[in-house]
Amino acid sequence: MGQQIIMNFSTAPSADDINVIALEQIENLPDELAELCEEVVIQIEDIADEATESDLDLDHPYDLLALFKGGKQLTPGVEKKSANDDDALVLYRRALLDVWCETGEELSTIIREAMIEELATNFEFSDDDIEEMQRRYV
């Protein structure tokens, strides 16, 4: 079992706090994802910008917890099957904190589940596979 981070917050967790949690979680991804994400970079943004909100047709920027940014397509018709150092997993701090406040779940659990769901979706795992990965890494 990985190292546990215990954080007691008197103010909302900062982007740096979210980054610390995310870096621990990326080290403990399910094996089938970890082998695809060795080079992925974690970025923390407060909330999805208007362009992202429009591109993804979001009702509200708080609807987006994480987004994998990278090009899966190398050349027309040829897709890559792993992340490289140009790829980033963006975590949206305010949206994650909103879920944390609403649910009372551990923040690390919310971050881990958002990371697994976004990365697994990007690499075209099935919904059943994603649920199983999240269940396995509770």
Protein backbone atom coordinates (compact mmCIF):
# COMPACT_ATOMS: atom_id res chain seq x y z
CA MET A 1 0.00 0.00 0.00
CA GLY A 2 1.29 3.47 -0.88
CA GLN A 3 2.15 6.29 1.44
CA GLN A 4 -0.86 8.10 2.84
CA ILE A 5 -1.03 11.87 2.91
CA ILE A 6 -2.88 13.33 5.85
CA MET A 7 -3.90 16.90 5.38
CA ASN A 8 -6.03 18.92 7.75
CA PHE A 9 -7.18 22.06 6.05
CA SER A 10 -8.23 25.26 7.75
CA THR A 11 -8.41 26.87 4.30
CA ALA A 12 -9.26 25.33 0.95
CA PRO A 13 -6.51 23.10 -0.46
CA SER A 14 -4.28 25.02 -2.85
CA ALA A 15 -3.15 24.01 -6.31
CA ASP A 16 0.09 22.80 -4.70
CA ASP A 17 -1.88 20.63 -2.25
CA ILE A 18 -3.89 19.11 -5.12
CA ASN A 19 -0.65 18.52 -7.03
CA VAL A 20 0.92 16.65 -4.09
CA ILE A 21 -2.12 14.37 -3.87
CA ALA A 22 -2.23 13.85 -7.65
CA LEU A 23 1.47 12.94 -7.82
CA GLU A 24 0.95 10.28 -5.16
CA GLN A 25 -2.09 8.98 -7.00
CA ILE A 26 -0.30 8.80 -10.36
CA GLU A 27 2.32 6.60 -8.72
CA ASN A 28 -0.45 4.20 -7.66
CA LEU A 29 -2.50 3.99 -10.85
CA PRO A 30 -3.84 0.59 -11.89
CA ASP A 31 -1.13 -1.31 -13.77
CA GLU A 32 -2.99 -1.23 -17.07
CA LEU A 33 -3.06 2.58 -16.91
CA ALA A 34 0.37 3.09 -15.36
CA GLU A 35 2.11 1.46 -18.29
CA LEU A 36 0.36 3.89 -20.66
CA CYS A 37 1.01 7.01 -18.57
CA GLU A 38 4.68 6.90 -17.63
CA GLU A 39 5.37 10.29 -19.24
CA VAL A 40 2.13 12.15 -18.48
CA VAL A 41 2.48 15.51 -16.74
CA ILE A 42 0.03 16.68 -14.07
CA GLN A 43 -1.24 20.25 -14.31
CA ILE A 44 -3.56 21.97 -11.88
CA GLU A 45 -5.89 24.72 -13.04
CA ASP A 46 -8.57 26.41 -10.97
CA ILE A 47 -11.42 25.81 -13.41
CA ALA A 48 -11.98 24.99 -17.08
CA ASP A 49 -11.58 28.06 -19.27
CA GLU A 50 -14.32 29.29 -21.60
CA ALA A 51 -12.74 27.67 -24.67
CA THR A 52 -12.64 24.25 -22.98
CA GLU A 53 -16.16 24.75 -21.67
CA SER A 54 -17.35 25.54 -25.20
CA ASP A 55 -15.35 22.77 -26.89
CA LEU A 56 -16.77 20.14 -24.53
CA ASP A 57 -20.26 21.67 -24.53
CA LEU A 58 -20.31 21.87 -20.73
CA ASP A 59 -23.32 23.33 -18.95
CA HIS A 60 -21.00 24.69 -16.26
CA PRO A 61 -17.21 24.66 -15.80
CA TYR A 62 -17.67 22.87 -12.46
CA ASP A 63 -18.86 19.84 -14.44
CA LEU A 64 -15.27 19.04 -15.48
CA LEU A 65 -12.95 17.50 -12.87
CA ALA A 66 -10.12 16.40 -15.14
CA LEU A 67 -9.10 16.55 -18.78
CA PHE A 68 -6.39 14.70 -20.67
CA LYS A 69 -4.72 17.06 -23.11
CA GLY A 70 -2.62 15.46 -25.75
CA GLY A 71 -2.68 14.24 -29.25
CA LYS A 72 -3.62 10.60 -29.62
CA GLN A 73 -3.19 10.86 -33.34
CA LEU A 74 0.39 10.85 -34.64
CA THR A 75 -0.49 11.00 -38.32
CA PRO A 76 -3.86 10.58 -39.99
CA GLY A 77 -5.12 7.10 -39.15
CA VAL A 78 -2.26 6.23 -36.74
CA GLU A 79 -2.95 6.60 -33.05
CA LYS A 80 -0.44 6.35 -30.24
CA LYS A 81 -1.22 4.01 -27.38
CA SER A 82 0.66 5.70 -24.55
CA ALA A 83 1.21 9.17 -23.17
CA ASN A 84 4.37 11.12 -23.85
CA ASP A 85 5.92 14.16 -22.23
CA ASP A 86 3.79 16.46 -24.39
CA ASP A 87 0.65 15.06 -22.77
CA ALA A 88 -0.89 16.47 -19.62
CA LEU A 89 -3.63 15.48 -17.26
CA VAL A 90 -5.26 18.68 -16.10
CA LEU A 91 -7.07 18.59 -12.78
CA TYR A 92 -9.55 21.35 -12.08
CA ARG A 93 -9.10 22.39 -8.46
CA ARG A 94 -12.36 24.27 -7.88
CA ALA A 95 -14.49 21.51 -9.42
CA LEU A 96 -12.70 18.85 -7.35
CA LEU A 97 -13.17 20.92 -4.19
CA ASP A 98 -16.84 21.37 -5.01
CA VAL A 99 -17.31 17.58 -5.14
CA TRP A 100 -15.27 17.24 -1.95
CA CYS A 101 -17.50 19.71 -0.12
CA GLU A 102 -20.71 18.18 -1.46
CA THR A 103 -19.85 14.53 -0.77
CA GLY A 104 -17.53 14.61 2.24
CA GLU A 105 -15.40 11.93 0.57
CA GLU A 106 -11.64 11.89 1.01
CA LEU A 107 -10.13 14.42 -1.38
CA SER A 108 -7.50 11.88 -2.46
CA THR A 109 -10.28 9.44 -3.41
CA ILE A 110 -12.04 12.06 -5.53
CA ILE A 111 -8.79 12.98 -7.26
CA ARG A 112 -7.83 9.33 -7.86
CA GLU A 113 -11.25 8.48 -9.32
CA ALA A 114 -11.20 11.55 -11.59
CA MET A 115 -7.69 10.65 -12.78
CA ILE A 116 -8.55 7.01 -13.46
CA GLU A 117 -11.77 7.91 -15.26
CA GLU A 118 -10.18 10.55 -17.49
CA LEU A 119 -7.05 8.55 -18.35
CA ALA A 120 -8.95 5.31 -18.92
CA THR A 121 -11.52 7.07 -21.10
CA ASN A 122 -8.73 8.65 -23.13
CA PHE A 123 -7.13 5.25 -23.70
CA GLU A 124 -10.52 3.79 -24.65
CA PHE A 125 -11.13 1.42 -21.75
CA SER A 126 -14.75 0.32 -21.37
CA ASP A 127 -17.03 1.73 -18.68
CA ASP A 128 -16.93 -1.68 -16.95
CA ASP A 129 -13.11 -1.66 -16.99
CA ILE A 130 -13.06 1.86 -15.54
CA GLU A 131 -15.48 0.92 -12.75
CA GLU A 132 -13.40 -2.16 -11.95
CA MET A 133 -10.18 -0.11 -11.81
CA GLN A 134 -11.77 2.42 -9.48
CA ARG A 135 -13.17 -0.34 -7.27
CA ARG A 136 -9.82 -2.12 -7.16
CA TYR A 137 -7.91 1.00 -6.15
CA VAL A 138 -10.08 2.25 -3.32
